[in-house]
Amino acid sequence: MKQKPDADRLETRTLVGSTSPVVLAWLADYVSDTMRSDTLEGVVARLDSVIVAKVPELADRDMSRDLAASTRAHARTLLSNLTSDTFEFSLPAEAHAFARTIARRGFDMRVLLRTYHAGMEAVLEYMNEAVEQREVPREIERAVMLRMFDRTTKWISMSVELLTDTYVEERERVLRAALNRRTETVRALLAGEELDADQAAVRLGYRLTGHHLAFVLWTDQGEPGGDAEVTDLLDRVAARMAADLGSARLLTVSSGASGMWAWAGLDDQAHAAELALPGRIEQLLAGSVDEPVRVAFGVPGARVAGFRSGHREAMAARQVAERGDAGRRVTAYRDVEIAYLAGVDAEAMRGLIERELRALAGAEENAVRLRRTLYAYLAQHRSPEATAKALGVHKNTVRYRLQRIEELLGHPIEQRGLALEVALTCLAAYDEAAGLSPDPPQSAAASLTRTRRAGGSTPSATG
């Protein structure tokens, strides 16, 4: 007979549901007591201390203040939902503000997820202690706990889902704003506007002191993956080249769907001077840039003026590269400067080549061979011996060819040495296949026609 009351209590405890009036009445008293300002602030402080201990990124004053505001707003809204007949989910503005704060501070999304994971553990632990301390009648204890845990876990789960969107939107907005500020600052510097160098450096995340090696990257055609994939490819190539050239500082700005502007910081003046030597950059990067990427470099320059002039030169080198040999992956301004200056007026350059080279501008095999010999002779400081070594022929062969060249030109080489060198340099830069490479050349006339079509108007170094 003595066991029957216990059996009755067990049956009552099992049958009481989380929506039972006695359960809701107990929860109403609990909510009323907890919502008192002094009690609520104690709960918020306890929960936040647990969260900060597990997520130390939130420990500074501003982050802690935003966390407390979010926790307080969550607590009030969640508590009011414990006794309502329906689950009314509406995230408080403070929660969205806290998620945006995490994004603005540059924290990874994992900080947001860790915060709510730690928060849920802290809330459930607190509620368990609250039920024990308030001596809930045994027959409703399970129903109370189920009600509290169910509403809490559902609330936090839905909160994380929505706040993830809030974080992503804010992070993208921040990144766009930072990118826009960086792009605007770069364009202002290139336009010669008066800017505070220190402030500009902060916006760029790149020091404007020391020397800068400007370069531009682009692709021959768009990539199947779209703009984002092309940008990622150019970013990787830029970073690798900067490292290969001895730079630990890099600034990149997208210039279009398949193009990028870049600057590599150089703190060593002697190293900057080395990279300014003709042929040095192409030598260091030989074979390191693959299709479809192409790169054009300016000359290293100091401070803001060098930042600006190097970019202008890189853009000029790109114009030469795009009008010349498509297989050339790396072009340095120092190596094509004469060709660029001569090519500003394409018609004038065409006249120079035809007038100076005469029969040597032809497509015949003999003309190509003589042109290549003359180019090597001028590059080897007018030394027949050095020219023979460079071409892999006997010095008497070189002397014979030089004699034949002067016959075709109608005057001694030295009489027009500089003009001849410019004409040959233009052919080398604008169309390697026009006779200065070992491959069978295309006709000089075809080369010049393409040059004229590609750049009949004066090219711009900033376009």
Protein backbone atom coordinates (compact mmCIF):
# COMPACT_ATOMS: atom_id res chain seq x y z
CA MET A 1 0.00 0.00 0.00
CA LYS A 2 2.87 2.40 0.71
CA GLN A 3 4.19 2.08 -2.82
CA LYS A 4 1.02 3.28 -4.51
CA PRO A 5 1.52 7.04 -3.93
CA ASP A 6 5.00 6.78 -5.45
CA ALA A 7 3.49 4.98 -8.44
CA ASP A 8 0.83 7.66 -8.74
CA ARG A 9 3.49 10.40 -8.63
CA LEU A 10 5.53 8.59 -11.29
CA GLU A 11 2.47 8.31 -13.52
CA THR A 12 1.67 12.02 -12.98
CA ARG A 13 5.30 12.99 -13.72
CA THR A 14 5.20 10.99 -16.95
CA LEU A 15 1.90 12.41 -18.14
CA VAL A 16 2.70 16.10 -17.51
CA GLY A 17 3.58 17.76 -20.83
CA SER A 18 5.60 20.87 -21.57
CA THR A 19 2.40 22.79 -22.38
CA SER A 20 0.66 21.83 -19.16
CA PRO A 21 -0.78 24.83 -17.25
CA VAL A 22 1.27 23.94 -14.17
CA VAL A 23 4.46 23.89 -16.26
CA LEU A 24 3.61 27.21 -17.89
CA ALA A 25 2.77 28.71 -14.51
CA TRP A 26 6.15 27.69 -13.09
CA LEU A 27 7.91 29.07 -16.16
CA ALA A 28 5.97 32.34 -15.88
CA ASP A 29 7.23 32.82 -12.34
CA TYR A 30 10.78 31.95 -13.46
CA VAL A 31 10.65 34.42 -16.35
CA SER A 32 9.21 37.17 -14.15
CA ASP A 33 11.98 36.76 -11.58
CA THR A 34 14.75 36.53 -14.17
CA MET A 35 13.57 39.55 -16.16
CA ARG A 36 14.16 41.85 -13.18
CA SER A 37 17.00 44.13 -14.23
CA ASP A 38 19.42 43.13 -11.48
CA THR A 39 18.86 39.42 -12.07
CA LEU A 40 19.02 39.77 -15.86
CA GLU A 41 22.30 41.69 -15.70
CA GLY A 42 23.77 38.97 -13.53
CA VAL A 43 22.71 36.33 -16.05
CA VAL A 44 24.18 38.36 -18.94
CA ALA A 45 27.48 38.83 -17.09
CA ARG A 46 27.69 35.12 -16.31
CA LEU A 47 26.96 34.01 -19.86
CA ASP A 48 29.37 36.53 -21.37
CA SER A 49 32.20 35.53 -19.05
CA VAL A 50 31.84 31.93 -20.22
CA ILE A 51 31.72 32.99 -23.88
CA VAL A 52 34.76 35.29 -23.67
CA ALA A 53 36.75 32.60 -21.89
CA LYS A 54 36.17 30.30 -24.89
CA VAL A 55 36.34 33.04 -27.56
CA PRO A 56 39.16 35.39 -26.43
CA GLU A 57 38.81 37.50 -29.60
CA LEU A 58 35.80 39.12 -27.89
CA ALA A 59 37.74 40.28 -24.83
CA ASP A 60 38.40 43.92 -25.77
CA ARG A 61 36.09 46.67 -24.51
CA ASP A 62 34.17 47.38 -27.72
CA MET A 63 33.61 43.74 -28.57
CA SER A 64 32.53 42.98 -24.99
CA ARG A 65 30.03 45.84 -25.02
CA ASP A 66 28.46 44.64 -28.27
CA LEU A 67 28.40 41.06 -26.99
CA ALA A 68 26.62 42.14 -23.79
CA ALA A 69 24.00 44.07 -25.76
CA SER A 70 23.38 41.04 -27.97
CA THR A 71 23.22 38.61 -25.03
CA ARG A 72 20.84 40.87 -23.13
CA ALA A 73 18.50 41.24 -26.12
CA HIS A 74 18.60 37.49 -26.80
CA ALA A 75 17.81 36.72 -23.17
CA ARG A 76 14.79 39.02 -23.04
CA THR A 77 13.34 37.70 -26.28
CA LEU A 78 14.03 34.05 -25.48
CA LEU A 79 12.57 34.32 -21.98
CA SER A 80 9.38 35.83 -23.34
CA ASN A 81 9.10 32.85 -25.70
CA LEU A 82 9.27 30.29 -22.91
CA THR A 83 5.65 30.82 -21.93
CA SER A 84 4.07 31.76 -25.26
CA ASP A 85 1.76 29.30 -26.98
CA THR A 86 3.59 29.66 -30.28
CA PHE A 87 7.28 29.97 -31.03
CA GLU A 88 7.65 33.51 -32.33
CA PHE A 89 11.14 33.92 -33.71
CA SER A 90 12.35 37.44 -34.32
CA LEU A 91 16.02 38.24 -33.93
CA PRO A 92 16.73 41.43 -31.99
CA ALA A 93 18.60 44.23 -33.76
CA GLU A 94 21.44 43.94 -31.23
CA ALA A 95 22.19 40.38 -32.44
CA HIS A 96 22.53 41.56 -36.03
CA ALA A 97 24.71 44.45 -34.86
CA PHE A 98 27.04 42.06 -33.03
CA ALA A 99 27.39 39.82 -36.11
CA ARG A 100 28.23 42.90 -38.19
CA THR A 101 30.82 43.95 -35.58
CA ILE A 102 32.56 40.58 -35.95
CA ALA A 103 32.63 41.04 -39.73
CA ARG A 104 33.87 44.64 -39.55
CA ARG A 105 36.69 43.70 -37.23
CA GLY A 106 37.91 41.24 -39.86
CA PHE A 107 37.26 38.11 -37.80
CA ASP A 108 36.59 34.80 -39.50
CA MET A 109 33.03 33.48 -39.48
CA ARG A 110 34.23 30.77 -37.10
CA VAL A 111 34.37 33.42 -34.37
CA LEU A 112 30.63 33.96 -34.80
CA LEU A 113 29.93 30.21 -34.75
CA ARG A 114 32.17 29.62 -31.72
CA THR A 115 30.41 32.46 -29.89
CA TYR A 116 26.98 30.91 -30.31
CA HIS A 117 28.22 27.40 -29.58
CA ALA A 118 29.76 28.61 -26.33
CA GLY A 119 26.64 30.66 -25.61
CA MET A 120 24.33 27.68 -25.99
CA GLU A 121 26.44 25.57 -23.63
CA ALA A 122 26.45 28.40 -21.09
CA VAL A 123 22.66 28.93 -21.33
CA LEU A 124 21.83 25.24 -20.94
CA GLU A 125 24.16 24.96 -17.95
CA TYR A 126 22.60 28.03 -16.36
CA MET A 127 19.05 26.74 -16.89
CA ASN A 128 19.93 23.36 -15.41
CA GLU A 129 21.28 25.06 -12.29
CA ALA A 130 18.23 27.33 -12.11
CA VAL A 131 15.87 24.35 -12.10
CA GLU A 132 17.88 22.65 -9.37
CA GLN A 133 18.09 25.77 -7.20
CA ARG A 134 14.37 26.61 -7.48
CA GLU A 135 13.37 23.08 -6.37
CA VAL A 136 10.96 22.37 -9.20
CA PRO A 137 8.26 19.84 -8.21
CA ARG A 138 9.43 16.44 -9.37
CA GLU A 139 6.27 15.78 -11.36
CA ILE A 140 6.92 18.76 -13.68
CA GLU A 141 10.74 18.88 -13.59
CA ARG A 142 11.20 16.89 -16.79
CA ALA A 143 8.56 18.89 -18.68
CA VAL A 144 10.10 22.19 -17.55
CA MET A 145 13.55 21.12 -18.65
CA LEU A 146 12.28 19.88 -22.01
CA ARG A 147 10.44 23.13 -22.60
CA MET A 148 13.46 25.26 -21.73
CA PHE A 149 15.96 23.17 -23.67
CA ASP A 150 13.72 22.81 -26.74
CA ARG A 151 13.02 26.54 -27.02
CA THR A 152 16.66 27.48 -26.32
CA THR A 153 18.27 25.13 -28.84
CA LYS A 154 15.71 26.02 -31.49
CA TRP A 155 16.27 29.73 -30.84
CA ILE A 156 20.03 29.55 -31.06
CA SER A 157 19.97 27.30 -34.13
CA MET A 158 17.70 29.72 -36.00
CA SER A 159 19.76 32.67 -34.78
CA VAL A 160 22.98 31.20 -36.17
CA GLU A 161 21.33 30.51 -39.52
CA LEU A 162 20.15 34.09 -39.94
CA LEU A 163 23.22 35.73 -38.44
CA THR A 164 25.47 33.82 -40.80
CA ASP A 165 23.75 35.68 -43.63
CA THR A 166 24.15 38.95 -41.75
CA TYR A 167 27.86 38.29 -41.26
CA VAL A 168 28.45 37.36 -44.92
CA GLU A 169 26.58 40.42 -46.21
CA GLU A 170 28.52 42.75 -43.92
CA ARG A 171 31.84 41.08 -44.67
CA GLU A 172 31.26 41.46 -48.39
CA ARG A 173 30.23 45.08 -47.91
CA VAL A 174 33.35 45.79 -45.86
CA LEU A 175 35.58 44.09 -48.42
CA ARG A 176 33.93 45.99 -51.25
CA ALA A 177 34.34 49.25 -49.38
CA ALA A 178 38.00 48.49 -48.62
CA LEU A 179 38.60 47.49 -52.23
CA ASN A 180 36.88 50.64 -53.45
CA ARG A 181 38.99 52.79 -51.11
CA ARG A 182 42.13 51.03 -52.27
CA THR A 183 41.21 51.43 -55.94
CA GLU A 184 40.28 55.09 -55.47
CA THR A 185 43.56 55.74 -53.64
CA VAL A 186 45.59 54.05 -56.38
CA ARG A 187 43.87 56.04 -59.08
CA ALA A 188 44.37 59.28 -57.14
CA LEU A 189 48.07 58.54 -56.77
CA LEU A 190 48.42 57.73 -60.46
CA ALA A 191 46.56 60.90 -61.38
CA GLY A 192 49.05 62.96 -59.40
CA GLU A 193 46.57 64.18 -56.79
CA GLU A 194 47.97 65.57 -53.55
CA LEU A 195 47.51 62.88 -50.91
CA ASP A 196 48.97 62.39 -47.49
CA ALA A 197 51.42 59.53 -48.09
CA ASP A 198 50.97 57.98 -44.63
CA GLN A 199 47.19 58.06 -44.88
CA ALA A 200 47.30 56.65 -48.40
CA ALA A 201 49.58 53.84 -47.19
CA VAL A 202 47.04 52.91 -44.48
CA ARG A 203 44.24 52.75 -47.04
CA LEU A 204 46.34 50.65 -49.37
CA GLY A 205 47.84 48.39 -46.72
CA TYR A 206 51.11 49.01 -48.54
CA ARG A 207 54.02 51.31 -47.66
CA LEU A 208 54.78 54.06 -50.14
CA THR A 209 58.32 54.59 -48.87
CA GLY A 210 61.30 52.86 -50.46
CA HIS A 211 61.26 51.66 -54.06
CA HIS A 212 58.45 50.14 -56.10
CA LEU A 213 58.51 47.78 -59.05
CA ALA A 214 55.26 48.33 -60.95
CA PHE A 215 53.89 45.67 -63.25
CA VAL A 216 50.65 44.82 -65.00
CA LEU A 217 49.22 41.37 -65.64
CA TRP A 218 46.59 40.24 -68.11
CA THR A 219 45.42 37.12 -69.88
CA ASP A 220 45.26 36.41 -73.58
CA GLN A 221 41.65 35.31 -73.17
CA GLY A 222 39.05 34.89 -70.44
CA GLU A 223 39.14 31.77 -68.29
CA PRO A 224 36.23 29.27 -68.29
CA GLY A 225 35.68 29.85 -64.57
CA GLY A 226 34.84 33.53 -65.07
CA ASP A 227 36.19 36.79 -63.64
CA ALA A 228 36.78 35.47 -60.12
CA GLU A 229 38.92 32.59 -61.37
CA VAL A 230 40.98 34.92 -63.58
CA THR A 231 41.52 37.31 -60.67
CA ASP A 232 42.64 34.44 -58.44
CA LEU A 233 45.05 33.26 -61.14
CA LEU A 234 46.57 36.72 -61.58
CA ASP A 235 46.84 37.14 -57.81
CA ARG A 236 48.79 33.88 -57.53
CA VAL A 237 51.10 34.78 -60.40
CA ALA A 238 51.72 38.27 -58.97
CA ALA A 239 52.57 36.87 -55.55
CA ARG A 240 54.91 34.26 -57.00
CA MET A 241 56.72 36.79 -59.21
CA ALA A 242 57.10 39.28 -56.36
CA ALA A 243 58.71 36.55 -54.27
CA ASP A 244 60.97 35.49 -57.18
CA LEU A 245 62.09 39.11 -57.55
CA GLY A 246 62.93 39.42 -53.86
CA SER A 247 59.93 41.39 -52.61
CA ALA A 248 57.89 40.65 -49.49
CA ARG A 249 55.40 43.50 -50.05
CA LEU A 250 52.77 43.39 -52.77
CA LEU A 251 49.85 45.60 -53.74
CA THR A 252 47.36 44.43 -56.37
CA VAL A 253 44.30 46.13 -57.85
CA SER A 254 42.00 44.53 -60.38
CA SER A 255 41.93 46.59 -63.57
CA GLY A 256 39.26 44.61 -65.39
CA ALA A 257 37.79 41.16 -65.97
CA SER A 258 41.15 39.81 -67.15
CA GLY A 259 43.68 42.37 -65.95
CA MET A 260 45.49 43.49 -62.80
CA TRP A 261 47.82 46.28 -61.71
CA ALA A 262 50.52 45.44 -59.17
CA TRP A 263 53.41 46.96 -57.23
CA ALA A 264 56.17 45.05 -55.44
CA GLY A 265 57.92 46.92 -52.64
CA LEU A 266 61.73 46.96 -52.69
CA ASP A 267 63.50 48.13 -49.55
CA ASP A 268 67.04 47.63 -50.90
CA GLN A 269 68.13 50.39 -53.28
CA ALA A 270 70.92 48.25 -54.73
CA HIS A 271 68.43 45.48 -55.51
CA ALA A 272 66.10 48.00 -57.17
CA ALA A 273 69.01 49.20 -59.31
CA GLU A 274 69.80 45.61 -60.30
CA LEU A 275 66.22 45.03 -61.45
CA ALA A 276 66.42 48.21 -63.53
CA LEU A 277 69.19 46.73 -65.69
CA PRO A 278 68.11 45.83 -69.23
CA GLY A 279 67.26 42.13 -69.52
CA ARG A 280 67.51 41.44 -65.77
CA ILE A 281 63.81 40.95 -65.03
CA GLU A 282 63.24 38.72 -68.04
CA GLN A 283 66.30 36.70 -67.01
CA LEU A 284 65.02 36.19 -63.45
CA LEU A 285 61.52 35.23 -64.59
CA ALA A 286 62.47 33.15 -67.62
CA GLY A 287 60.01 30.28 -67.98
CA SER A 288 58.08 31.14 -64.80
CA VAL A 289 55.00 32.68 -66.46
CA ASP A 290 52.79 30.32 -68.43
CA GLU A 291 49.84 30.82 -70.73
CA PRO A 292 47.44 32.54 -70.64
CA VAL A 293 49.13 35.10 -68.36
CA ARG A 294 51.32 37.90 -69.70
CA VAL A 295 53.21 40.49 -67.63
CA ALA A 296 54.77 43.87 -68.37
CA PHE A 297 57.13 45.67 -65.97
CA GLY A 298 58.09 49.27 -65.43
CA VAL A 299 61.42 50.49 -64.07
CA PRO A 300 61.84 50.47 -60.25
CA GLY A 301 61.30 53.94 -58.81
CA ALA A 302 61.40 55.59 -55.39
CA ARG A 303 58.48 56.77 -53.26
CA VAL A 304 55.22 58.06 -54.73
CA ALA A 305 56.87 59.40 -57.87
CA GLY A 306 58.36 55.98 -58.60
CA PHE A 307 55.02 54.32 -57.82
CA ARG A 308 53.44 56.50 -60.50
CA SER A 309 56.18 56.46 -63.16
CA GLY A 310 56.69 52.70 -62.88
CA HIS A 311 53.03 52.07 -63.61
CA ARG A 312 53.10 54.38 -66.61
CA GLU A 313 56.12 52.49 -67.95
CA ALA A 314 54.51 49.11 -67.30
CA MET A 315 51.45 50.17 -69.29
CA ALA A 316 53.73 51.33 -72.10
CA ALA A 317 55.56 47.99 -72.07
CA ARG A 318 52.20 46.22 -72.25
CA GLN A 319 51.32 48.13 -75.41
CA VAL A 320 54.52 46.99 -77.04
CA ALA A 321 53.94 43.40 -75.86
CA GLU A 322 50.39 43.29 -77.23
CA ARG A 323 51.52 44.61 -80.63
CA GLY A 324 54.46 42.24 -80.83
CA ASP A 325 55.22 38.58 -80.30
CA ALA A 326 52.21 36.88 -78.69
CA GLY A 327 54.44 34.15 -77.29
CA ARG A 328 56.41 36.59 -75.16
CA ARG A 329 55.15 36.15 -71.58
CA VAL A 330 57.31 38.79 -69.82
CA THR A 331 58.14 42.25 -71.13
CA ALA A 332 60.21 44.86 -69.29
CA TYR A 333 60.07 48.52 -70.22
CA ARG A 334 63.85 48.90 -70.21
CA ASP A 335 64.04 46.25 -72.93
CA VAL A 336 61.43 47.89 -75.20
CA GLU A 337 61.76 51.58 -74.32
CA ILE A 338 63.20 52.60 -77.69
CA ALA A 339 60.55 50.58 -79.52
CA TYR A 340 57.80 52.17 -77.45
CA LEU A 341 59.03 55.70 -78.10
CA ALA A 342 59.46 55.01 -81.80
CA GLY A 343 56.09 53.26 -81.98
CA VAL A 344 54.15 56.22 -80.61
CA ASP A 345 53.72 57.20 -84.25
CA ALA A 346 53.25 53.90 -86.09
CA GLU A 347 53.45 55.46 -89.55
CA ALA A 348 56.68 57.23 -88.69
CA MET A 349 58.13 54.01 -87.32
CA ARG A 350 57.15 52.15 -90.48
CA GLY A 351 58.89 54.80 -92.55
CA LEU A 352 62.00 54.57 -90.35
CA ILE A 353 62.23 50.79 -90.77
CA GLU A 354 61.72 50.85 -94.52
CA ARG A 355 64.03 53.83 -95.05
CA GLU A 356 66.90 52.59 -92.86
CA LEU A 357 66.83 48.86 -93.56
CA ARG A 358 65.92 49.05 -97.24
CA ALA A 359 66.44 45.59 -98.78
CA LEU A 360 67.22 44.17 -95.34
CA ALA A 361 63.54 44.56 -94.43
CA GLY A 362 62.57 41.87 -96.92
CA ALA A 363 61.26 38.41 -96.11
CA GLU A 364 63.84 36.48 -98.11
CA GLU A 365 66.02 34.06 -96.19
CA ASN A 366 69.18 35.95 -97.07
CA ALA A 367 67.70 39.28 -95.92
CA VAL A 368 66.65 37.69 -92.63
CA ARG A 369 70.13 36.24 -92.10
CA LEU A 370 71.84 39.57 -92.84
CA ARG A 371 69.40 41.44 -90.61
CA ARG A 372 70.07 39.05 -87.75
CA THR A 373 73.81 39.48 -88.25
CA LEU A 374 73.54 43.27 -88.22
CA TYR A 375 71.43 43.18 -85.06
CA ALA A 376 74.00 40.99 -83.30
CA TYR A 377 76.88 43.15 -84.57
CA LEU A 378 75.37 46.32 -83.13
CA ALA A 379 74.53 44.55 -79.85
CA GLN A 380 78.13 43.28 -79.58
CA HIS A 381 79.55 46.81 -79.78
CA ARG A 382 80.64 46.48 -83.43
CA SER A 383 82.98 43.53 -82.73
CA PRO A 384 83.12 40.95 -85.56
CA GLU A 385 84.73 38.42 -83.23
CA ALA A 386 82.04 38.77 -80.54
CA THR A 387 79.33 38.69 -83.21
CA ALA A 388 80.75 35.49 -84.68
CA LYS A 389 80.72 33.89 -81.24
CA ALA A 390 77.16 35.01 -80.56
CA LEU A 391 75.94 33.64 -83.90
CA GLY A 392 78.06 30.52 -83.84
CA VAL A 393 79.78 31.23 -87.17
CA HIS A 394 83.32 32.04 -88.30
CA LYS A 395 84.49 35.65 -88.00
CA ASN A 396 85.26 35.76 -91.72
CA THR A 397 81.61 34.88 -92.36
CA VAL A 398 80.60 37.85 -90.25
CA ARG A 399 82.96 40.15 -92.13
CA TYR A 400 81.56 38.97 -95.46
CA ARG A 401 78.00 39.54 -94.30
CA LEU A 402 78.83 43.02 -92.98
CA GLN A 403 80.30 43.90 -96.35
CA ARG A 404 77.15 42.67 -98.08
CA ILE A 405 74.96 44.61 -95.60
CA GLU A 406 76.74 47.87 -96.40
CA GLU A 407 76.29 47.20 -100.11
CA LEU A 408 72.53 46.77 -99.63
CA LEU A 409 72.29 49.79 -97.35
CA GLY A 410 74.31 51.95 -99.70
CA HIS A 411 76.46 53.38 -96.91
CA PRO A 412 78.76 52.29 -94.06
CA ILE A 413 77.03 50.87 -91.00
CA GLU A 414 78.64 53.46 -88.74
CA GLN A 415 77.16 56.26 -90.78
CA ARG A 416 73.63 55.37 -89.57
CA GLY A 417 74.41 53.07 -86.65
CA LEU A 418 71.88 54.54 -84.18
CA ALA A 419 69.04 54.70 -86.70
CA LEU A 420 69.73 51.12 -87.80
CA GLU A 421 69.69 49.93 -84.19
CA VAL A 422 66.36 51.68 -83.56
CA ALA A 423 64.82 50.16 -86.69
CA LEU A 424 66.00 46.67 -85.78
CA THR A 425 64.89 47.11 -82.16
CA CYS A 426 61.39 48.06 -83.33
CA LEU A 427 61.17 44.94 -85.46
CA ALA A 428 62.37 42.84 -82.53
CA ALA A 429 59.86 44.34 -80.11
CA TYR A 430 56.78 44.56 -82.31
CA ASP A 431 57.15 41.34 -84.24
CA GLU A 432 59.87 38.90 -83.29
CA ALA A 433 58.86 36.72 -86.22
CA ALA A 434 59.71 39.54 -88.63
CA GLY A 435 63.27 38.37 -88.82
CA LEU A 436 65.20 38.53 -85.56
CA SER A 437 64.31 35.09 -84.28
CA PRO A 438 65.63 31.80 -85.69
CA ASP A 439 62.11 30.84 -86.86
CA PRO A 440 61.08 31.42 -90.51
CA PRO A 441 60.04 35.08 -90.66
CA GLN A 442 56.84 36.58 -91.91
CA SER A 443 57.15 39.43 -94.35
CA ALA A 444 58.25 42.76 -92.99
CA ALA A 445 55.40 44.41 -94.88
CA ALA A 446 52.84 42.20 -93.14
CA SER A 447 54.49 42.95 -89.81
CA LEU A 448 54.34 46.67 -90.41
CA THR A 449 50.74 46.48 -91.56
CA ARG A 450 49.77 44.76 -88.31
CA THR A 451 51.72 47.35 -86.36
CA ARG A 452 49.88 50.15 -88.08
CA ARG A 453 46.48 48.55 -87.49
CA ALA A 454 47.26 47.87 -83.83
CA GLY A 455 48.47 51.33 -83.00
CA GLY A 456 47.78 53.93 -85.64
CA SER A 457 46.96 56.49 -82.98
CA THR A 458 49.24 57.72 -80.24
CA PRO A 459 49.28 55.10 -77.45
CA SER A 460 48.56 56.12 -73.89
CA ALA A 461 50.68 54.96 -70.97
CA THR A 462 47.76 55.23 -68.59
CA GLY A 463 44.93 53.70 -70.57
